[in-house]
Amino acid sequence: MASEKMNQHFEMLGASLSKLYETGTYSDLIITCGNDTYQVHKAIVCPRSSFFTAACSGKFKEGQEGKINLPDDDPDAVREMIHYLYHLDLAGHEFTPADGNFLE
């Protein structure tokens, strides 16, 4: 019974994160890559990525302006990465530790 209740709470949390991902509501960071723009939340992306933590630490222009441009990165990879940060899955793609840590 308790685990069922816990699963319901996790599902509700997941649905809330998905809604934030889809709408960009309350976003405080804009990531651009190619023609794609993502309105994301520092509270979600920074704890899961040392790159975003460093970029948003306040020492860098990106953190102060709330904008990060990734012109040299693959737009598909960035899209998958941001999806992963919010959903903890890779949209149906297989990913193993041997593939490397793309969040570092």
PDB file of N, CA and C in Angstrom:
ATOM      1  N   MET A   1       0.824  -1.195   0.000  1.00  0.00           N
ATOM      2  CA  MET A   1       0.000   0.000   0.000  1.00  0.00           C
ATOM      3  C   MET A   1       0.868   1.259   0.000  1.00  0.00           C
ATOM      4  N   ALA A   2       1.893   1.278   0.851  1.00  0.00           N
ATOM      5  CA  ALA A   2       2.762   2.454   0.927  1.00  0.00           C
ATOM      6  C   ALA A   2       3.533   2.657  -0.372  1.00  0.00           C
ATOM      7  N   SER A   3       3.996   1.556  -0.969  1.00  0.00           N
ATOM      8  CA  SER A   3       4.748   1.700  -2.218  1.00  0.00           C
ATOM      9  C   SER A   3       3.841   2.172  -3.355  1.00  0.00           C
ATOM     10  N   GLU A   4       2.566   1.783  -3.315  1.00  0.00           N
ATOM     11  CA  GLU A   4       1.626   2.264  -4.329  1.00  0.00           C
ATOM     12  C   GLU A   4       1.436   3.771  -4.196  1.00  0.00           C
ATOM     13  N   LYS A   5       1.324   4.236  -2.965  1.00  0.00           N
ATOM     14  CA  LYS A   5       1.187   5.672  -2.706  1.00  0.00           C
ATOM     15  C   LYS A   5       2.448   6.406  -3.156  1.00  0.00           C
ATOM     16  N   MET A   6       3.608   5.809  -2.885  1.00  0.00           N
ATOM     17  CA  MET A   6       4.879   6.405  -3.294  1.00  0.00           C
ATOM     18  C   MET A   6       4.947   6.491  -4.813  1.00  0.00           C
ATOM     19  N   ASN A   7       4.526   5.445  -5.505  1.00  0.00           N
ATOM     20  CA  ASN A   7       4.512   5.459  -6.968  1.00  0.00           C
ATOM     21  C   ASN A   7       3.609   6.566  -7.507  1.00  0.00           C
ATOM     22  N   GLN A   8       2.472   6.774  -6.851  1.00  0.00           N
ATOM     23  CA  GLN A   8       1.568   7.844  -7.268  1.00  0.00           C
ATOM     24  C   GLN A   8       2.239   9.207  -7.118  1.00  0.00           C
ATOM     25  N   HIS A   9       2.973   9.381  -6.020  1.00  0.00           N
ATOM     26  CA  HIS A   9       3.678  10.649  -5.799  1.00  0.00           C
ATOM     27  C   HIS A   9       4.756  10.862  -6.861  1.00  0.00           C
ATOM     28  N   PHE A  10       5.497   9.811  -7.189  1.00  0.00           N
ATOM     29  CA  PHE A  10       6.523   9.916  -8.228  1.00  0.00           C
ATOM     30  C   PHE A  10       5.903  10.223  -9.592  1.00  0.00           C
ATOM     31  N   GLU A  11       4.763   9.613  -9.877  1.00  0.00           N
ATOM     32  CA  GLU A  11       4.079   9.886 -11.140  1.00  0.00           C
ATOM     33  C   GLU A  11       3.620  11.338 -11.207  1.00  0.00           C
ATOM     34  N   MET A  12       3.104  11.857 -10.092  1.00  0.00           N
ATOM     35  CA  MET A  12       2.675  13.256 -10.054  1.00  0.00           C
ATOM     36  C   MET A  12       3.871  14.191 -10.221  1.00  0.00           C
ATOM     37  N   LEU A  13       4.980  13.868  -9.572  1.00  0.00           N
ATOM     38  CA  LEU A  13       6.190  14.670  -9.711  1.00  0.00           C
ATOM     39  C   LEU A  13       6.680  14.637 -11.154  1.00  0.00           C
ATOM     40  N   GLY A  14       6.700  13.455 -11.745  1.00  0.00           N
ATOM     41  CA  GLY A  14       7.112  13.322 -13.138  1.00  0.00           C
ATOM     42  C   GLY A  14       6.222  14.128 -14.072  1.00  0.00           C
ATOM     43  N   ALA A  15       4.926  14.105 -13.818  1.00  0.00           N
ATOM     44  CA  ALA A  15       3.989  14.876 -14.648  1.00  0.00           C
ATOM     45  C   ALA A  15       4.241  16.373 -14.497  1.00  0.00           C
ATOM     46  N   SER A  16       4.553  16.804 -13.288  1.00  0.00           N
ATOM     47  CA  SER A  16       4.852  18.222 -13.060  1.00  0.00           C
ATOM     48  C   SER A  16       6.122  18.642 -13.780  1.00  0.00           C
ATOM     49  N   LEU A  17       7.156  17.800 -13.716  1.00  0.00           N
ATOM     50  CA  LEU A  17       8.404  18.108 -14.418  1.00  0.00           C
ATOM     51  C   LEU A  17       8.187  18.127 -15.927  1.00  0.00           C
ATOM     52  N   SER A  18       7.385  17.200 -16.420  1.00  0.00           N
ATOM     53  CA  SER A  18       7.078  17.177 -17.853  1.00  0.00           C
ATOM     54  C   SER A  18       6.375  18.457 -18.283  1.00  0.00           C
ATOM     55  N   LYS A  19       5.459  18.926 -17.451  1.00  0.00           N
ATOM     56  CA  LYS A  19       4.740  20.158 -17.780  1.00  0.00           C
ATOM     57  C   LYS A  19       5.697  21.348 -17.809  1.00  0.00           C
ATOM     58  N   LEU A  20       6.616  21.414 -16.850  1.00  0.00           N
ATOM     59  CA  LEU A  20       7.615  22.484 -16.854  1.00  0.00           C
ATOM     60  C   LEU A  20       8.469  22.412 -18.113  1.00  0.00           C
ATOM     61  N   TYR A  21       8.862  21.211 -18.489  1.00  0.00           N
ATOM     62  CA  TYR A  21       9.677  20.992 -19.691  1.00  0.00           C
ATOM     63  C   TYR A  21       8.938  21.458 -20.945  1.00  0.00           C
ATOM     64  N   GLU A  22       7.673  21.098 -21.042  1.00  0.00           N
ATOM     65  CA  GLU A  22       6.891  21.397 -22.241  1.00  0.00           C
ATOM     66  C   GLU A  22       6.527  22.871 -22.360  1.00  0.00           C
ATOM     67  N   THR A  23       6.245  23.523 -21.236  1.00  0.00           N
ATOM     68  CA  THR A  23       5.750  24.900 -21.283  1.00  0.00           C
ATOM     69  C   THR A  23       6.826  25.949 -21.026  1.00  0.00           C
ATOM     70  N   GLY A  24       7.874  25.595 -20.301  1.00  0.00           N
ATOM     71  CA  GLY A  24       8.886  26.582 -19.937  1.00  0.00           C
ATOM     72  C   GLY A  24       8.427  27.532 -18.845  1.00  0.00           C
ATOM     73  N   THR A  25       7.270  27.265 -18.254  1.00  0.00           N
ATOM     74  CA  THR A  25       6.756  28.113 -17.189  1.00  0.00           C
ATOM     75  C   THR A  25       7.770  28.194 -16.051  1.00  0.00           C
ATOM     76  N   TYR A  26       7.976  29.396 -15.535  1.00  0.00           N
ATOM     77  CA  TYR A  26       8.903  29.677 -14.429  1.00  0.00           C
ATOM     78  C   TYR A  26      10.370  29.466 -14.807  1.00  0.00           C
ATOM     79  N   SER A  27      10.678  29.380 -16.093  1.00  0.00           N
ATOM     80  CA  SER A  27      12.067  29.144 -16.491  1.00  0.00           C
ATOM     81  C   SER A  27      12.937  30.345 -16.123  1.00  0.00           C
ATOM     82  N   ASP A  28      14.207  30.062 -15.858  1.00  0.00           N
ATOM     83  CA  ASP A  28      15.147  31.128 -15.518  1.00  0.00           C
ATOM     84  C   ASP A  28      16.460  30.993 -16.286  1.00  0.00           C
ATOM     85  N   LEU A  29      16.446  30.169 -17.332  1.00  0.00           N
ATOM     86  CA  LEU A  29      17.632  29.962 -18.151  1.00  0.00           C
ATOM     87  C   LEU A  29      17.185  29.591 -19.566  1.00  0.00           C
ATOM     88  N   ILE A  30      17.807  30.213 -20.556  1.00  0.00           N
ATOM     89  CA  ILE A  30      17.513  29.902 -21.952  1.00  0.00           C
ATOM     90  C   ILE A  30      18.743  29.258 -22.567  1.00  0.00           C
ATOM     91  N   ILE A  31      18.545  28.089 -23.159  1.00  0.00           N
ATOM     92  CA  ILE A  31      19.623  27.378 -23.848  1.00  0.00           C
ATOM     93  C   ILE A  31      19.285  27.377 -25.330  1.00  0.00           C
ATOM     94  N   THR A  32      20.248  27.790 -26.148  1.00  0.00           N
ATOM     95  CA  THR A  32      20.055  27.737 -27.590  1.00  0.00           C
ATOM     96  C   THR A  32      21.121  26.852 -28.217  1.00  0.00           C
ATOM     97  N   CYS A  33      20.693  26.131 -29.237  1.00  0.00           N
ATOM     98  CA  CYS A  33      21.597  25.277 -30.004  1.00  0.00           C
ATOM     99  C   CYS A  33      21.024  25.182 -31.407  1.00  0.00           C
ATOM    100  N   GLY A  34      21.778  25.676 -32.381  1.00  0.00           N
ATOM    101  CA  GLY A  34      21.248  25.711 -33.738  1.00  0.00           C
ATOM    102  C   GLY A  34      20.014  26.587 -33.775  1.00  0.00           C
ATOM    103  N   ASN A  35      18.937  26.073 -34.341  1.00  0.00           N
ATOM    104  CA  ASN A  35      17.674  26.816 -34.408  1.00  0.00           C
ATOM    105  C   ASN A  35      16.759  26.539 -33.221  1.00  0.00           C
ATOM    106  N   ASP A  36      17.216  25.723 -32.276  1.00  0.00           N
ATOM    107  CA  ASP A  36      16.388  25.322 -31.140  1.00  0.00           C
ATOM    108  C   ASP A  36      16.648  26.212 -29.933  1.00  0.00           C
ATOM    109  N   THR A  37      15.578  26.547 -29.223  1.00  0.00           N
ATOM    110  CA  THR A  37      15.663  27.321 -27.989  1.00  0.00           C
ATOM    111  C   THR A  37      14.890  26.576 -26.913  1.00  0.00           C
ATOM    112  N   TYR A  38      15.496  26.465 -25.736  1.00  0.00           N
ATOM    113  CA  TYR A  38      14.883  25.755 -24.613  1.00  0.00           C
ATOM    114  C   TYR A  38      14.804  26.688 -23.417  1.00  0.00           C
ATOM    115  N   GLN A  39      13.620  26.800 -22.854  1.00  0.00           N
ATOM    116  CA  GLN A  39      13.435  27.551 -21.619  1.00  0.00           C
ATOM    117  C   GLN A  39      13.477  26.534 -20.490  1.00  0.00           C
ATOM    118  N   VAL A  40      14.573  26.550 -19.744  1.00  0.00           N
ATOM    119  CA  VAL A  40      14.778  25.533 -18.716  1.00  0.00           C
ATOM    120  C   VAL A  40      14.877  26.176 -17.337  1.00  0.00           C
ATOM    121  N   HIS A  41      15.050  25.337 -16.351  1.00  0.00           N
ATOM    122  CA  HIS A  41      15.060  25.754 -14.958  1.00  0.00           C
ATOM    123  C   HIS A  41      16.389  25.364 -14.319  1.00  0.00           C
ATOM    124  N   LYS A  42      17.104  26.348 -13.798  1.00  0.00           N
ATOM    125  CA  LYS A  42      18.403  26.083 -13.176  1.00  0.00           C
ATOM    126  C   LYS A  42      18.284  25.031 -12.073  1.00  0.00           C
ATOM    127  N   ALA A  43      17.190  25.067 -11.337  1.00  0.00           N
ATOM    128  CA  ALA A  43      17.002  24.120 -10.233  1.00  0.00           C
ATOM    129  C   ALA A  43      16.905  22.681 -10.724  1.00  0.00           C
ATOM    130  N   ILE A  44      16.619  22.490 -11.990  1.00  0.00           N
ATOM    131  CA  ILE A  44      16.531  21.141 -12.548  1.00  0.00           C
ATOM    132  C   ILE A  44      17.812  20.768 -13.283  1.00  0.00           C
ATOM    133  N   VAL A  45      18.325  21.656 -14.138  1.00  0.00           N
ATOM    134  CA  VAL A  45      19.479  21.282 -14.957  1.00  0.00           C
ATOM    135  C   VAL A  45      20.805  21.342 -14.209  1.00  0.00           C
ATOM    136  N   CYS A  46      20.963  22.276 -13.282  1.00  0.00           N
ATOM    137  CA  CYS A  46      22.260  22.417 -12.599  1.00  0.00           C
ATOM    138  C   CYS A  46      22.611  21.244 -11.683  1.00  0.00           C
ATOM    139  N   PRO A  47      21.696  20.748 -10.869  1.00  0.00           N
ATOM    140  CA  PRO A  47      22.065  19.614 -10.018  1.00  0.00           C
ATOM    141  C   PRO A  47      22.420  18.352 -10.799  1.00  0.00           C
ATOM    142  N   ARG A  48      22.001  18.276 -12.047  1.00  0.00           N
ATOM    143  CA  ARG A  48      22.234  17.076 -12.849  1.00  0.00           C
ATOM    144  C   ARG A  48      23.384  17.226 -13.831  1.00  0.00           C
ATOM    145  N   SER A  49      24.009  18.406 -13.889  1.00  0.00           N
ATOM    146  CA  SER A  49      25.080  18.623 -14.857  1.00  0.00           C
ATOM    147  C   SER A  49      26.117  19.591 -14.301  1.00  0.00           C
ATOM    148  N   SER A  50      27.343  19.124 -14.179  1.00  0.00           N
ATOM    149  CA  SER A  50      28.409  20.004 -13.684  1.00  0.00           C
ATOM    150  C   SER A  50      28.684  21.136 -14.674  1.00  0.00           C
ATOM    151  N   PHE A  51      28.460  20.897 -15.966  1.00  0.00           N
ATOM    152  CA  PHE A  51      28.629  21.965 -16.959  1.00  0.00           C
ATOM    153  C   PHE A  51      27.670  23.116 -16.676  1.00  0.00           C
ATOM    154  N   PHE A  52      26.382  22.806 -16.502  1.00  0.00           N
ATOM    155  CA  PHE A  52      25.407  23.859 -16.247  1.00  0.00           C
ATOM    156  C   PHE A  52      25.617  24.493 -14.876  1.00  0.00           C
ATOM    157  N   THR A  53      26.051  23.717 -13.906  1.00  0.00           N
ATOM    158  CA  THR A  53      26.368  24.284 -12.595  1.00  0.00           C
ATOM    159  C   THR A  53      27.450  25.344 -12.728  1.00  0.00           C
ATOM    160  N   ALA A  54      28.521  25.017 -13.431  1.00  0.00           N
ATOM    161  CA  ALA A  54      29.623  25.968 -13.608  1.00  0.00           C
ATOM    162  C   ALA A  54      29.172  27.190 -14.410  1.00  0.00           C
ATOM    163  N   ALA A  55      28.425  26.955 -15.485  1.00  0.00           N
ATOM    164  CA  ALA A  55      27.994  28.063 -16.342  1.00  0.00           C
ATOM    165  C   ALA A  55      27.060  29.023 -15.614  1.00  0.00           C
ATOM    166  N   CYS A  56      26.292  28.504 -14.673  1.00  0.00           N
ATOM    167  CA  CYS A  56      25.303  29.325 -13.966  1.00  0.00           C
ATOM    168  C   CYS A  56      25.785  29.805 -12.603  1.00  0.00           C
ATOM    169  N   SER A  57      27.044  29.565 -12.289  1.00  0.00           N
ATOM    170  CA  SER A  57      27.541  29.873 -10.946  1.00  0.00           C
ATOM    171  C   SER A  57      27.632  31.359 -10.649  1.00  0.00           C
ATOM    172  N   GLY A  58      27.459  32.209 -11.638  1.00  0.00           N
ATOM    173  CA  GLY A  58      27.540  33.640 -11.408  1.00  0.00           C
ATOM    174  C   GLY A  58      28.865  34.234 -11.839  1.00  0.00           C
ATOM    175  N   LYS A  59      29.862  33.392 -12.023  1.00  0.00           N
ATOM    176  CA  LYS A  59      31.170  33.870 -12.447  1.00  0.00           C
ATOM    177  C   LYS A  59      31.213  34.119 -13.949  1.00  0.00           C
ATOM    178  N   PHE A  60      30.286  33.526 -14.660  1.00  0.00           N
ATOM    179  CA  PHE A  60      30.291  33.604 -16.108  1.00  0.00           C
ATOM    180  C   PHE A  60      29.135  34.464 -16.609  1.00  0.00           C
ATOM    181  N   LYS A  61      29.342  35.060 -17.769  1.00  0.00           N
ATOM    182  CA  LYS A  61      28.324  35.899 -18.409  1.00  0.00           C
ATOM    183  C   LYS A  61      27.012  35.134 -18.567  1.00  0.00           C
ATOM    184  N   GLU A  62      27.111  33.847 -18.930  1.00  0.00           N
ATOM    185  CA  GLU A  62      25.911  33.037 -19.158  1.00  0.00           C
ATOM    186  C   GLU A  62      25.033  32.963 -17.913  1.00  0.00           C
ATOM    187  N   GLY A  63      25.664  32.784 -16.773  1.00  0.00           N
ATOM    188  CA  GLY A  63      24.909  32.707 -15.535  1.00  0.00           C
ATOM    189  C   GLY A  63      24.259  34.023 -15.169  1.00  0.00           C
ATOM    190  N   GLN A  64      24.957  35.104 -15.417  1.00  0.00           N
ATOM    191  CA  GLN A  64      24.420  36.425 -15.096  1.00  0.00           C
ATOM    192  C   GLN A  64      23.287  36.820 -16.034  1.00  0.00           C
ATOM    193  N   GLU A  65      23.428  36.472 -17.308  1.00  0.00           N
ATOM    194  CA  GLU A  65      22.400  36.826 -18.292  1.00  0.00           C
ATOM    195  C   GLU A  65      21.281  35.799 -18.381  1.00  0.00           C
ATOM    196  N   GLY A  66      21.525  34.596 -17.875  1.00  0.00           N
ATOM    197  CA  GLY A  66      20.519  33.539 -17.957  1.00  0.00           C
ATOM    198  C   GLY A  66      20.369  32.969 -19.353  1.00  0.00           C
ATOM    199  N   LYS A  67      21.468  33.031 -20.146  1.00  0.00           N
ATOM    200  CA  LYS A  67      21.433  32.509 -21.513  1.00  0.00           C
ATOM    201  C   LYS A  67      22.704  31.722 -21.790  1.00  0.00           C
ATOM    202  N   ILE A  68      22.523  30.533 -22.349  1.00  0.00           N
ATOM    203  CA  ILE A  68      23.657  29.704 -22.751  1.00  0.00           C
ATOM    204  C   ILE A  68      23.466  29.327 -24.214  1.00  0.00           C
ATOM    205  N   ASN A  69      24.476  29.621 -25.023  1.00  0.00           N
ATOM    206  CA  ASN A  69      24.449  29.263 -26.432  1.00  0.00           C
ATOM    207  C   ASN A  69      25.426  28.113 -26.649  1.00  0.00           C
ATOM    208  N   LEU A  70      24.973  27.073 -27.306  1.00  0.00           N
ATOM    209  CA  LEU A  70      25.799  25.898 -27.586  1.00  0.00           C
ATOM    210  C   LEU A  70      25.961  25.748 -29.102  1.00  0.00           C
ATOM    211  N   PRO A  71      26.694  26.655 -29.741  1.00  0.00           N
ATOM    212  CA  PRO A  71      26.770  26.663 -31.204  1.00  0.00           C
ATOM    213  C   PRO A  71      27.529  25.490 -31.807  1.00  0.00           C
ATOM    214  N   ASP A  72      28.418  24.885 -31.036  1.00  0.00           N
ATOM    215  CA  ASP A  72      29.249  23.805 -31.569  1.00  0.00           C
ATOM    216  C   ASP A  72      28.707  22.412 -31.269  1.00  0.00           C
ATOM    217  N   ASP A  73      27.576  22.353 -30.574  1.00  0.00           N
ATOM    218  CA  ASP A  73      27.018  21.057 -30.197  1.00  0.00           C
ATOM    219  C   ASP A  73      25.950  20.615 -31.190  1.00  0.00           C
ATOM    220  N   ASP A  74      25.752  19.318 -31.247  1.00  0.00           N
ATOM    221  CA  ASP A  74      24.750  18.728 -32.127  1.00  0.00           C
ATOM    222  C   ASP A  74      23.354  19.025 -31.568  1.00  0.00           C
ATOM    223  N   PRO A  75      22.482  19.681 -32.331  1.00  0.00           N
ATOM    224  CA  PRO A  75      21.144  20.007 -31.832  1.00  0.00           C
ATOM    225  C   PRO A  75      20.346  18.793 -31.365  1.00  0.00           C
ATOM    226  N   ASP A  76      20.489  17.661 -32.049  1.00  0.00           N
ATOM    227  CA  ASP A  76      19.775  16.452 -31.619  1.00  0.00           C
ATOM    228  C   ASP A  76      20.282  15.973 -30.265  1.00  0.00           C
ATOM    229  N   ALA A  77      21.592  16.034 -30.058  1.00  0.00           N
ATOM    230  CA  ALA A  77      22.169  15.610 -28.780  1.00  0.00           C
ATOM    231  C   ALA A  77      21.733  16.539 -27.656  1.00  0.00           C
ATOM    232  N   VAL A  78      21.692  17.835 -27.919  1.00  0.00           N
ATOM    233  CA  VAL A  78      21.253  18.794 -26.898  1.00  0.00           C
ATOM    234  C   VAL A  78      19.785  18.567 -26.566  1.00  0.00           C
ATOM    235  N   ARG A  79      18.960  18.334 -27.576  1.00  0.00           N
ATOM    236  CA  ARG A  79      17.539  18.052 -27.347  1.00  0.00           C
ATOM    237  C   ARG A  79      17.377  16.818 -26.458  1.00  0.00           C
ATOM    238  N   GLU A  80      18.115  15.760 -26.770  1.00  0.00           N
ATOM    239  CA  GLU A  80      18.050  14.534 -25.967  1.00  0.00           C
ATOM    240  C   GLU A  80      18.534  14.780 -24.539  1.00  0.00           C
ATOM    241  N   MET A  81      19.616  15.558 -24.403  1.00  0.00           N
ATOM    242  CA  MET A  81      20.161  15.840 -23.081  1.00  0.00           C
ATOM    243  C   MET A  81      19.146  16.584 -22.219  1.00  0.00           C
ATOM    244  N   ILE A  82      18.529  17.612 -22.778  1.00  0.00           N
ATOM    245  CA  ILE A  82      17.560  18.384 -22.000  1.00  0.00           C
ATOM    246  C   ILE A  82      16.347  17.525 -21.664  1.00  0.00           C
ATOM    247  N   HIS A  83      15.911  16.717 -22.612  1.00  0.00           N
ATOM    248  CA  HIS A  83      14.814  15.786 -22.324  1.00  0.00           C
ATOM    249  C   HIS A  83      15.204  14.878 -21.152  1.00  0.00           C
ATOM    250  N   TYR A  84      16.417  14.369 -21.177  1.00  0.00           N
ATOM    251  CA  TYR A  84      16.885  13.485 -20.107  1.00  0.00           C
ATOM    252  C   TYR A  84      16.899  14.196 -18.756  1.00  0.00           C
ATOM    253  N   LEU A  85      17.359  15.435 -18.723  1.00  0.00           N
ATOM    254  CA  LEU A  85      17.438  16.164 -17.460  1.00  0.00           C
ATOM    255  C   LEU A  85      16.074  16.299 -16.790  1.00  0.00           C
ATOM    256  N   TYR A  86      15.024  16.371 -17.577  1.00  0.00           N
ATOM    257  CA  TYR A  86      13.674  16.510 -17.032  1.00  0.00           C
ATOM    258  C   TYR A  86      12.957  15.178 -16.832  1.00  0.00           C
ATOM    259  N   HIS A  87      13.261  14.188 -17.648  1.00  0.00           N
ATOM    260  CA  HIS A  87      12.503  12.937 -17.622  1.00  0.00           C
ATOM    261  C   HIS A  87      13.298  11.728 -17.140  1.00  0.00           C
ATOM    262  N   LEU A  88      14.624  11.865 -17.048  1.00  0.00           N
ATOM    263  CA  LEU A  88      15.520  10.774 -16.653  1.00  0.00           C
ATOM    264  C   LEU A  88      15.403   9.566 -17.572  1.00  0.00           C
ATOM    265  N   ASP A  89      15.047   9.819 -18.816  1.00  0.00           N
ATOM    266  CA  ASP A  89      15.114   8.785 -19.845  1.00  0.00           C
ATOM    267  C   ASP A  89      15.539   9.454 -21.144  1.00  0.00           C
ATOM    268  N   LEU A  90      15.908   8.664 -22.100  1.00  0.00           N
ATOM    269  CA  LEU A  90      16.397   9.208 -23.361  1.00  0.00           C
ATOM    270  C   LEU A  90      15.394   9.006 -24.486  1.00  0.00           C
ATOM    271  N   ALA A  91      14.146   9.248 -24.201  1.00  0.00           N
ATOM    272  CA  ALA A  91      13.076   9.223 -25.208  1.00  0.00           C
ATOM    273  C   ALA A  91      13.101   7.952 -26.042  1.00  0.00           C
ATOM    274  N   GLY A  92      13.291   6.823 -25.373  1.00  0.00           N
ATOM    275  CA  GLY A  92      13.251   5.547 -26.063  1.00  0.00           C
ATOM    276  C   GLY A  92      14.571   5.075 -26.618  1.00  0.00           C
ATOM    277  N   HIS A  93      15.635   5.851 -26.443  1.00  0.00           N
ATOM    278  CA  HIS A  93      16.944   5.459 -26.943  1.00  0.00           C
ATOM    279  C   HIS A  93      17.717   4.728 -25.857  1.00  0.00           C
ATOM    280  N   GLU A  94      18.465   3.747 -26.264  1.00  0.00           N
ATOM    281  CA  GLU A  94      19.306   3.008 -25.335  1.00  0.00           C
ATOM    282  C   GLU A  94      20.548   3.830 -25.010  1.00  0.00           C
ATOM    283  N   PHE A  95      20.907   3.880 -23.748  1.00  0.00           N
ATOM    284  CA  PHE A  95      22.122   4.573 -23.323  1.00  0.00           C
ATOM    285  C   PHE A  95      22.756   3.736 -22.234  1.00  0.00           C
ATOM    286  N   THR A  96      24.020   3.433 -22.399  1.00  0.00           N
ATOM    287  CA  THR A  96      24.730   2.651 -21.401  1.00  0.00           C
ATOM    288  C   THR A  96      25.905   3.458 -20.882  1.00  0.00           C
ATOM    289  N   PRO A  97      26.395   3.136 -19.674  1.00  0.00           N
ATOM    290  CA  PRO A  97      27.543   3.860 -19.133  1.00  0.00           C
ATOM    291  C   PRO A  97      28.749   3.840 -20.067  1.00  0.00           C
ATOM    292  N   ALA A  98      28.890   2.809 -20.883  1.00  0.00           N
ATOM    293  CA  ALA A  98      30.021   2.728 -21.806  1.00  0.00           C
ATOM    294  C   ALA A  98      29.967   3.821 -22.871  1.00  0.00           C
ATOM    295  N   ASP A  99      28.783   4.394 -23.089  1.00  0.00           N
ATOM    296  CA  ASP A  99      28.648   5.464 -24.076  1.00  0.00           C
ATOM    297  C   ASP A  99      29.274   6.767 -23.603  1.00  0.00           C
ATOM    298  N   GLY A 100      29.589   6.854 -22.335  1.00  0.00           N
ATOM    299  CA  GLY A 100      30.198   8.073 -21.802  1.00  0.00           C
ATOM    300  C   GLY A 100      29.184   8.918 -21.064  1.00  0.00           C
ATOM    301  N   ASN A 101      29.683   9.899 -20.351  1.00  0.00           N
ATOM    302  CA  ASN A 101      28.825  10.777 -19.575  1.00  0.00           C
ATOM    303  C   ASN A 101      28.668  12.087 -20.323  1.00  0.00           C
ATOM    304  N   PHE A 102      27.563  12.243 -21.027  1.00  0.00           N
ATOM    305  CA  PHE A 102      27.375  13.436 -21.838  1.00  0.00           C
ATOM    306  C   PHE A 102      26.941  14.642 -21.022  1.00  0.00           C
ATOM    307  N   LEU A 103      26.757  14.479 -19.728  1.00  0.00           N
ATOM    308  CA  LEU A 103      26.345  15.603 -18.895  1.00  0.00           C
ATOM    309  C   LEU A 103      27.518  16.333 -18.266  1.00  0.00           C
ATOM    310  N   GLU A 104      28.700  15.774 -18.365  1.00  0.00           N
ATOM    311  CA  GLU A 104      29.875  16.411 -17.752  1.00  0.00           C
ATOM    312  C   GLU A 104      30.431  17.464 -18.653  1.00  0.00           C
TER     313      GLU A 104
END
